[in-house]
N, C-alpha and C. Protein backbone atom coordinates (compact mmCIF):
# COMPACT_ATOMS: atom_id res chain seq x y z
N MET A 1 2.96 -10.26 2.99
CA MET A 1 1.54 -10.74 3.07
C MET A 1 0.76 -9.72 1.81
N SER A 2 -0.20 -10.56 1.05
CA SER A 2 -0.93 -9.94 0.25
C SER A 2 -2.36 -9.91 0.44
N ILE A 3 -2.99 -9.26 -0.17
CA ILE A 3 -4.43 -9.03 0.36
C ILE A 3 -5.34 -9.58 -0.98
N ASN A 4 -6.13 -10.55 -0.79
CA ASN A 4 -6.79 -11.16 -2.03
C ASN A 4 -7.93 -9.89 -2.42
N SER A 5 -7.80 -9.49 -4.03
CA SER A 5 -8.83 -8.72 -4.15
C SER A 5 -10.06 -9.23 -4.72
N ARG A 6 -10.38 -10.41 -4.99
CA ARG A 6 -11.16 -11.14 -5.59
C ARG A 6 -12.72 -10.55 -5.10
N PHE A 7 -12.70 -10.15 -4.07
CA PHE A 7 -14.09 -9.77 -3.63
C PHE A 7 -14.49 -8.47 -4.07
N ALA A 8 -13.47 -7.45 -4.19
CA ALA A 8 -13.61 -6.14 -4.51
C ALA A 8 -13.81 -6.45 -6.29
N VAL A 9 -13.14 -7.15 -6.94
CA VAL A 9 -13.46 -7.26 -8.35
C VAL A 9 -14.87 -7.81 -8.69
N ALA A 10 -15.11 -8.87 -7.81
CA ALA A 10 -16.67 -9.33 -8.08
C ALA A 10 -17.63 -8.30 -7.68
N VAL A 11 -17.48 -7.54 -6.84
CA VAL A 11 -18.47 -6.43 -6.48
C VAL A 11 -18.46 -5.36 -7.78
N HIS A 12 -17.35 -4.90 -8.12
CA HIS A 12 -17.20 -4.25 -9.39
C HIS A 12 -17.73 -4.62 -10.77
N ILE A 13 -17.75 -6.04 -10.63
CA ILE A 13 -18.28 -6.76 -11.99
C ILE A 13 -19.65 -6.52 -11.96
N LEU A 14 -20.15 -6.95 -10.84
CA LEU A 14 -21.48 -6.93 -10.64
C LEU A 14 -22.31 -5.55 -10.75
N ALA A 15 -21.35 -4.50 -10.07
CA ALA A 15 -21.99 -3.23 -10.01
C ALA A 15 -21.90 -2.67 -11.60
N LEU A 16 -20.91 -2.97 -12.32
CA LEU A 16 -20.80 -2.44 -13.82
C LEU A 16 -21.82 -3.32 -14.72
N LEU A 17 -22.34 -4.50 -14.17
CA LEU A 17 -23.46 -5.22 -15.13
C LEU A 17 -24.59 -4.47 -14.72
N ALA A 18 -24.92 -4.03 -13.58
CA ALA A 18 -26.06 -3.54 -12.97
C ALA A 18 -26.04 -2.06 -13.55
N LEU A 19 -25.03 -1.18 -13.73
CA LEU A 19 -24.93 0.05 -14.12
C LEU A 19 -25.44 -0.15 -15.77
N GLU A 20 -24.80 -0.90 -16.68
CA GLU A 20 -24.71 -0.83 -17.93
C GLU A 20 -26.29 -1.38 -18.41
N GLY A 21 -26.62 -2.56 -17.84
CA GLY A 21 -28.20 -2.86 -17.97
C GLY A 21 -27.99 -3.95 -19.33
N ARG A 22 -26.80 -4.44 -19.62
CA ARG A 22 -26.92 -4.91 -21.13
C ARG A 22 -25.71 -5.81 -21.10
N PRO A 23 -25.92 -6.85 -22.06
CA PRO A 23 -24.61 -8.05 -21.90
C PRO A 23 -23.37 -7.25 -22.19
N LEU A 24 -22.15 -7.75 -21.31
CA LEU A 24 -20.88 -7.09 -21.18
C LEU A 24 -20.06 -8.32 -21.51
N SER A 25 -19.17 -8.11 -22.25
CA SER A 25 -17.77 -9.09 -22.60
C SER A 25 -17.13 -8.99 -21.53
N SER A 26 -15.97 -9.97 -21.55
CA SER A 26 -15.06 -9.94 -20.41
C SER A 26 -13.94 -8.93 -20.69
N LYS A 27 -13.75 -8.98 -21.98
CA LYS A 27 -12.77 -7.79 -22.36
C LYS A 27 -13.50 -6.56 -21.58
N TYR A 28 -14.44 -6.11 -22.08
CA TYR A 28 -15.21 -4.90 -21.63
C TYR A 28 -15.09 -4.59 -20.18
N ILE A 29 -15.47 -5.62 -19.29
CA ILE A 29 -15.34 -5.43 -18.00
C ILE A 29 -14.07 -5.34 -17.38
N ALA A 30 -13.05 -6.40 -18.02
CA ALA A 30 -11.73 -6.00 -17.75
C ALA A 30 -11.20 -4.51 -18.27
N GLY A 31 -11.80 -3.88 -19.03
CA GLY A 31 -11.25 -2.56 -19.37
C GLY A 31 -11.52 -1.75 -18.14
N SER A 32 -12.66 -1.89 -17.45
CA SER A 32 -13.36 -1.07 -16.36
C SER A 32 -12.59 -1.56 -15.17
N VAL A 33 -12.29 -2.60 -14.95
CA VAL A 33 -11.48 -3.33 -13.68
C VAL A 33 -10.04 -3.10 -13.77
N ASN A 34 -9.67 -2.86 -15.08
CA ASN A 34 -7.98 -2.59 -15.30
C ASN A 34 -7.32 -3.68 -15.08
N THR A 35 -7.66 -4.98 -15.61
CA THR A 35 -7.21 -6.23 -15.44
C THR A 35 -7.21 -7.13 -16.61
N ASN A 36 -6.87 -8.41 -16.70
CA ASN A 36 -6.92 -9.24 -17.79
C ASN A 36 -8.06 -9.94 -18.06
N PRO A 37 -8.62 -10.02 -19.08
CA PRO A 37 -9.82 -10.52 -19.24
C PRO A 37 -10.11 -12.23 -18.96
N VAL A 38 -8.93 -12.83 -18.86
CA VAL A 38 -8.73 -14.12 -18.11
C VAL A 38 -9.20 -14.04 -16.73
N VAL A 39 -8.85 -12.95 -15.81
CA VAL A 39 -9.01 -12.77 -14.32
C VAL A 39 -10.73 -12.43 -14.44
N ILE A 40 -11.13 -11.54 -15.13
CA ILE A 40 -12.60 -11.70 -15.07
C ILE A 40 -13.22 -12.68 -15.56
N ARG A 41 -13.10 -13.66 -16.46
CA ARG A 41 -13.66 -14.95 -16.70
C ARG A 41 -13.61 -15.82 -15.39
N ARG A 42 -12.61 -16.14 -14.92
CA ARG A 42 -12.46 -16.67 -13.49
C ARG A 42 -13.49 -16.19 -12.68
N ILE A 43 -13.59 -15.07 -12.39
CA ILE A 43 -14.44 -14.50 -11.33
C ILE A 43 -16.26 -14.60 -11.67
N LEU A 44 -16.17 -14.32 -13.09
CA LEU A 44 -17.23 -14.41 -13.84
C LEU A 44 -18.08 -16.37 -13.70
N SER A 45 -16.98 -16.85 -13.73
CA SER A 45 -17.60 -18.35 -13.54
C SER A 45 -18.05 -18.48 -12.05
N LEU A 46 -17.22 -17.91 -10.94
CA LEU A 46 -17.83 -18.01 -9.87
C LEU A 46 -19.14 -17.38 -9.46
N LEU A 47 -19.41 -16.24 -9.92
CA LEU A 47 -20.83 -15.70 -9.91
C LEU A 47 -21.54 -16.30 -10.67
N SER A 48 -21.25 -17.20 -11.88
CA SER A 48 -22.46 -17.81 -12.49
C SER A 48 -22.79 -18.88 -11.91
N LYS A 49 -21.88 -19.64 -11.25
CA LYS A 49 -22.20 -20.85 -10.45
C LYS A 49 -23.09 -20.39 -9.28
N ALA A 50 -22.75 -19.07 -8.45
CA ALA A 50 -23.72 -18.92 -7.51
C ALA A 50 -25.06 -18.27 -7.74
N GLY A 51 -25.21 -18.29 -9.36
CA GLY A 51 -26.54 -17.75 -9.71
C GLY A 51 -26.59 -16.32 -9.87
N PHE A 52 -25.58 -15.43 -9.67
CA PHE A 52 -25.69 -14.02 -9.73
C PHE A 52 -25.51 -13.46 -11.22
N VAL A 53 -24.94 -14.31 -11.98
CA VAL A 53 -24.50 -13.76 -13.50
C VAL A 53 -25.13 -14.88 -14.51
N ASP A 54 -25.56 -14.29 -15.70
CA ASP A 54 -25.74 -15.38 -16.72
C ASP A 54 -24.86 -14.89 -18.05
N THR A 55 -24.45 -15.77 -18.59
CA THR A 55 -23.41 -15.67 -19.66
C THR A 55 -23.75 -16.35 -20.71
N GLN A 56 -24.18 -15.59 -22.16
CA GLN A 56 -24.26 -16.07 -23.37
C GLN A 56 -22.97 -16.22 -24.33
N LEU A 57 -22.58 -16.92 -24.85
CA LEU A 57 -21.42 -17.13 -25.88
C LEU A 57 -21.74 -16.67 -26.99
N GLY A 58 -20.83 -16.40 -28.06
CA GLY A 58 -21.05 -15.74 -29.17
C GLY A 58 -21.05 -14.02 -29.54
N VAL A 59 -21.13 -13.61 -30.69
CA VAL A 59 -20.93 -12.31 -31.19
C VAL A 59 -22.08 -11.42 -30.34
N GLU A 60 -22.99 -11.85 -30.16
CA GLU A 60 -24.03 -11.21 -29.23
C GLU A 60 -24.14 -11.68 -28.02
N GLY A 61 -23.28 -12.24 -27.40
CA GLY A 61 -23.13 -12.45 -26.16
C GLY A 61 -22.51 -11.77 -25.02
N GLY A 62 -22.49 -12.02 -24.02
CA GLY A 62 -21.89 -11.63 -23.03
C GLY A 62 -22.40 -11.90 -21.59
N SER A 63 -22.11 -11.22 -20.39
CA SER A 63 -22.92 -11.45 -19.02
C SER A 63 -23.66 -10.63 -18.71
N THR A 64 -24.69 -10.82 -18.05
CA THR A 64 -25.67 -9.86 -17.51
C THR A 64 -25.88 -10.25 -16.03
N LEU A 65 -26.55 -9.65 -15.26
CA LEU A 65 -26.99 -10.00 -13.92
C LEU A 65 -28.15 -11.18 -14.04
N ALA A 66 -28.17 -12.07 -13.03
CA ALA A 66 -29.18 -13.12 -13.55
C ALA A 66 -30.33 -12.81 -12.07
N ARG A 67 -30.07 -12.04 -11.50
CA ARG A 67 -30.90 -11.71 -10.43
C ARG A 67 -30.93 -9.94 -10.11
N PRO A 68 -32.17 -9.48 -9.67
CA PRO A 68 -31.96 -7.92 -9.37
C PRO A 68 -30.96 -7.56 -8.54
N ALA A 69 -30.38 -6.46 -8.87
CA ALA A 69 -29.17 -6.04 -8.01
C ALA A 69 -29.68 -5.92 -6.51
N GLU A 70 -30.82 -5.42 -6.16
CA GLU A 70 -31.54 -5.52 -5.00
C GLU A 70 -31.36 -6.69 -4.25
N THR A 71 -31.53 -7.64 -4.65
CA THR A 71 -31.42 -9.13 -4.09
C THR A 71 -29.98 -9.69 -4.04
N ILE A 72 -29.13 -9.13 -4.58
CA ILE A 72 -27.59 -9.71 -4.22
C ILE A 72 -26.93 -9.01 -3.06
N THR A 73 -26.64 -9.60 -2.01
CA THR A 73 -26.00 -8.96 -0.90
C THR A 73 -24.55 -9.09 -0.91
N LEU A 74 -23.67 -8.02 -0.56
CA LEU A 74 -22.50 -8.11 -0.46
C LEU A 74 -21.95 -9.35 0.35
N LEU A 75 -22.61 -9.85 1.31
CA LEU A 75 -22.16 -10.82 2.17
C LEU A 75 -22.24 -12.17 1.15
N GLU A 76 -23.19 -12.57 0.33
CA GLU A 76 -23.38 -13.48 -0.72
C GLU A 76 -22.00 -13.33 -1.42
N VAL A 77 -21.76 -12.24 -1.85
CA VAL A 77 -20.64 -12.09 -2.96
C VAL A 77 -19.42 -12.47 -2.21
N TYR A 78 -19.25 -11.98 -0.94
CA TYR A 78 -18.18 -12.31 0.01
C TYR A 78 -17.98 -13.71 0.00
N ASN A 79 -18.92 -14.50 0.22
CA ASN A 79 -18.98 -16.04 0.76
C ASN A 79 -18.64 -16.53 -0.60
N VAL A 80 -19.03 -16.20 -1.87
CA VAL A 80 -18.85 -16.87 -3.09
C VAL A 80 -17.43 -16.64 -3.68
N SER A 81 -16.64 -15.33 -3.27
CA SER A 81 -15.55 -14.87 -3.69
C SER A 81 -14.35 -15.15 -2.96
N GLU A 82 -14.78 -15.15 -1.78
CA GLU A 82 -13.41 -15.48 -0.86
C GLU A 82 -13.26 -16.75 0.00
N GLN A 83 -12.37 -17.42 0.22
CA GLN A 83 -12.36 -18.87 0.51
C GLN A 83 -11.43 -18.82 2.15
N GLY A 84 -11.76 -19.37 3.14
CA GLY A 84 -11.10 -19.51 4.22
C GLY A 84 -11.61 -18.48 5.40
N GLN A 85 -10.94 -18.51 6.19
CA GLN A 85 -10.93 -17.44 7.17
C GLN A 85 -10.52 -15.86 7.07
N LEU A 86 -11.41 -14.95 7.73
CA LEU A 86 -10.68 -13.56 7.20
C LEU A 86 -9.16 -13.46 8.12
N PHE A 87 -9.34 -14.12 9.33
CA PHE A 87 -8.23 -13.81 10.16
C PHE A 87 -7.71 -15.14 10.33
N ALA A 88 -6.21 -15.22 10.34
CA ALA A 88 -5.62 -16.50 10.65
C ALA A 88 -4.70 -16.14 11.89
N LEU A 89 -4.30 -17.26 12.83
CA LEU A 89 -3.30 -17.40 13.93
C LEU A 89 -2.08 -17.50 13.26
N HIS A 90 -0.99 -17.08 13.92
CA HIS A 90 0.51 -17.31 13.29
C HIS A 90 0.71 -18.80 13.00
N SER A 91 1.39 -19.56 12.27
CA SER A 91 1.45 -20.78 11.92
C SER A 91 2.33 -21.52 13.09
N ASN A 92 3.38 -20.67 13.53
CA ASN A 92 4.13 -21.15 14.73
C ASN A 92 3.51 -21.39 15.77
N GLN A 93 3.76 -22.55 16.62
CA GLN A 93 3.17 -22.56 18.04
C GLN A 93 3.89 -21.44 18.98
N PRO A 94 3.12 -20.88 19.69
CA PRO A 94 3.71 -19.83 20.51
C PRO A 94 4.08 -20.80 21.75
N ASN A 95 5.24 -19.99 22.55
CA ASN A 95 6.03 -20.66 23.50
C ASN A 95 5.10 -20.80 24.59
N PRO A 96 4.78 -22.40 24.93
CA PRO A 96 3.71 -22.54 26.12
C PRO A 96 4.22 -22.25 27.62
N LEU A 97 5.45 -21.71 27.54
CA LEU A 97 6.17 -21.29 29.00
C LEU A 97 5.88 -20.12 29.39
N CYS A 98 5.63 -19.14 28.15
CA CYS A 98 5.33 -17.64 28.13
C CYS A 98 4.00 -17.63 28.36
N PRO A 99 3.39 -16.77 29.29
CA PRO A 99 1.90 -16.56 29.94
C PRO A 99 1.19 -16.19 28.61
N CYS A 100 1.75 -15.07 27.97
CA CYS A 100 1.36 -14.62 26.69
C CYS A 100 1.17 -15.54 25.67
N GLY A 101 1.96 -16.40 25.18
CA GLY A 101 2.20 -17.49 24.37
C GLY A 101 1.04 -18.65 24.69
N ARG A 102 1.03 -18.99 25.86
CA ARG A 102 0.03 -20.19 26.23
C ARG A 102 -1.31 -19.78 26.16
N ASN A 103 -1.47 -18.46 26.15
CA ASN A 103 -3.20 -17.64 26.20
C ASN A 103 -3.46 -17.25 25.01
N ILE A 104 -2.49 -16.71 24.14
CA ILE A 104 -3.03 -15.73 23.09
C ILE A 104 -4.10 -16.53 22.11
N LYS A 105 -3.80 -17.86 21.75
CA LYS A 105 -4.79 -18.15 20.67
C LYS A 105 -6.26 -18.24 20.92
N PRO A 106 -6.62 -18.43 22.38
CA PRO A 106 -8.02 -18.57 22.70
C PRO A 106 -8.43 -16.97 22.73
N THR A 107 -7.60 -16.28 23.11
CA THR A 107 -8.28 -14.71 23.36
C THR A 107 -8.10 -14.15 21.67
N LEU A 108 -7.17 -14.51 20.81
CA LEU A 108 -7.30 -13.96 19.43
C LEU A 108 -8.61 -14.54 18.80
N LEU A 109 -8.98 -15.77 19.01
CA LEU A 109 -10.11 -16.50 18.32
C LEU A 109 -11.27 -15.85 18.73
N THR A 110 -11.74 -15.52 20.00
CA THR A 110 -12.38 -14.79 20.30
C THR A 110 -12.75 -13.31 19.35
N VAL A 111 -11.52 -12.61 19.60
CA VAL A 111 -11.82 -11.57 19.03
C VAL A 111 -12.26 -11.55 17.49
N PHE A 112 -11.40 -12.51 17.01
CA PHE A 112 -11.47 -12.89 15.54
C PHE A 112 -12.94 -13.33 14.95
N GLN A 113 -13.62 -14.15 16.00
CA GLN A 113 -14.92 -14.20 15.86
C GLN A 113 -15.92 -12.94 15.79
N LYS A 114 -15.63 -12.39 16.92
CA LYS A 114 -16.40 -11.16 16.88
C LYS A 114 -16.26 -10.14 15.77
N ALA A 115 -15.08 -9.95 15.25
CA ALA A 115 -14.42 -8.97 14.22
C ALA A 115 -15.65 -9.60 12.98
N GLU A 116 -15.17 -10.74 12.56
CA GLU A 116 -15.96 -11.72 11.30
C GLU A 116 -17.37 -11.57 11.29
N ALA A 117 -18.20 -11.79 12.43
CA ALA A 117 -19.52 -11.31 12.77
C ALA A 117 -20.11 -10.18 12.14
N ALA A 118 -18.90 -9.20 12.85
CA ALA A 118 -19.60 -7.55 12.62
C ALA A 118 -19.44 -7.39 11.23
N LEU A 119 -18.47 -8.00 10.42
CA LEU A 119 -18.02 -7.59 9.13
C LEU A 119 -19.23 -8.26 8.26
N GLU A 120 -19.78 -9.59 8.40
CA GLU A 120 -20.76 -10.20 8.22
C GLU A 120 -22.19 -9.54 8.13
N GLY A 121 -22.35 -8.83 9.51
CA GLY A 121 -23.58 -8.11 9.43
C GLY A 121 -23.30 -6.94 8.73
N ILE A 122 -22.58 -6.24 8.26
CA ILE A 122 -22.36 -5.28 7.49
C ILE A 122 -22.68 -5.39 6.14
N LEU A 123 -22.06 -6.72 5.75
CA LEU A 123 -22.06 -6.97 4.26
C LEU A 123 -23.58 -7.63 4.01
N ALA A 124 -24.16 -7.95 5.02
CA ALA A 124 -25.62 -8.76 4.84
C ALA A 124 -26.45 -7.51 4.60
N GLU A 125 -26.15 -6.36 4.92
CA GLU A 125 -27.09 -5.32 4.85
C GLU A 125 -27.19 -4.45 3.83
N ALA A 126 -25.65 -4.68 2.94
CA ALA A 126 -25.51 -3.91 1.81
C ALA A 126 -25.84 -4.64 0.67
N THR A 127 -26.41 -4.24 -0.56
CA THR A 127 -26.71 -4.86 -1.87
C THR A 127 -25.99 -4.36 -2.77
N ILE A 128 -25.75 -4.93 -4.03
CA ILE A 128 -25.06 -4.58 -5.16
C ILE A 128 -25.96 -3.25 -5.61
N ALA A 129 -27.18 -3.24 -5.68
CA ALA A 129 -28.13 -1.90 -5.65
C ALA A 129 -27.62 -0.69 -4.93
N ASP A 130 -27.34 -0.78 -3.67
CA ASP A 130 -26.62 0.02 -2.80
C ASP A 130 -25.30 0.64 -3.31
N VAL A 131 -24.34 -0.26 -4.02
CA VAL A 131 -23.28 0.19 -4.20
C VAL A 131 -23.13 0.96 -5.57
N VAL A 132 -24.33 0.35 -6.61
CA VAL A 132 -24.72 1.03 -7.83
C VAL A 132 -25.26 2.72 -7.35
N GLN A 133 -26.26 2.68 -6.45
CA GLN A 133 -26.80 3.90 -5.86
C GLN A 133 -25.62 4.80 -5.43
N ASP A 134 -24.56 4.46 -5.01
CA ASP A 134 -23.50 5.17 -4.46
C ASP A 134 -22.70 5.78 -5.52
N ILE A 135 -22.28 4.76 -6.25
CA ILE A 135 -21.59 5.31 -7.70
C ILE A 135 -22.16 6.28 -8.55
N GLU A 136 -23.59 6.06 -8.55
CA GLU A 136 -24.23 6.97 -9.51
C GLU A 136 -24.27 8.22 -8.79
N ALA A 137 -24.41 8.32 -7.30
CA ALA A 137 -24.28 9.76 -6.68
C ALA A 137 -23.09 10.05 -6.94
N GLN A 138 -21.94 9.59 -6.80
CA GLN A 138 -20.50 10.18 -6.98
C GLN A 138 -20.61 10.74 -8.40
N VAL A 139 -20.77 9.87 -9.10
CA VAL A 139 -20.87 10.60 -10.91
C VAL A 139 -21.65 11.95 -10.90
N GLN A 140 -22.68 12.02 -10.32
CA GLN A 140 -23.67 13.25 -10.28
C GLN A 140 -22.86 14.12 -9.94
N SER A 141 -22.10 14.02 -8.34
CA SER A 141 -21.47 14.85 -7.72
C SER A 141 -20.13 15.28 -8.46
N GLN A 142 -19.58 14.75 -9.38
CA GLN A 142 -18.58 14.92 -10.35
C GLN A 142 -18.75 15.84 -11.42
N LEU A 143 -20.23 16.21 -11.92
CA LEU A 143 -20.50 16.62 -12.92
C LEU A 143 -20.79 18.08 -12.64
């Protein structure tokens, strides 16, 4: 099972744009994330379509935040960067003759819905500005 890191990379990109405060190339951003610029451009495209990022082409171009960091919640970024449910049921049908197999799906669905609601609540309260503030505090503590 693999874990999708698109959300983490999207937050990294937005935080870097907020910290730098100037247009950044996908190559520069890729250097910070330590990934290929093509990956960055794909995620920048998602962020641009959502209205979080503006991108200018050309020598003087690059990407910048389209909105203040204080107005971009992590829930918004999560919703743009991730598709599908956070949790999924097993693809095989459980044994209907087993009491556990017969009843596991509705039980798990209830737990999954509560967990997703809790996650969404936490992400809705946090902004890119909060992430930047924490990064800056960590940098200061390392000096």
